[in-house]
Amino acid sequence: MRRNFKAQLDRDRKRVFHNSREFAEIREIEYDGDYYKIPVVLDYEAAKDRKKPSSDHAEGIFLVDLVVYIDLDDINRIPRKGNQISIDGDLYNIVTVENRHGEIVLNLEAFTEFGGV
């Protein structure tokens, strides 16, 4: 039996990548007044690979970069660049948004005094 590639990707995305027993973690997300408790993948390492502009924030203030992967089926909407999103109570600015075949990829930034959100 020949499988549809897109259908297989959708199954793998849900069964493996967004499975809280594999890669994802259950987190509380708030976006635009709506709350979700869903599996997401948080990737601080991928964010470090992005090109960063020169630092212009005050001494003692740290920029936190984060890439978040969310299954579109879990929130049924695509967040917008320039808006804010809360993850477990920590507020981030949405820098970029991509929809990769049903997986939302958000590049986020936040400023903190502690070197990590």
Foldseek 3Di string as FASTA:
>chain_A
DDDDPLVVVVCCCVPECQDCVHAWPFWWKDDPRDIFGGTKHKDQPVQVPDDDDDDDDDPLKDKGKIKMKDFCVRVVDWDDQQGWMAINRDIWHFHDWDQDSRIIITITMDIDNPNYD
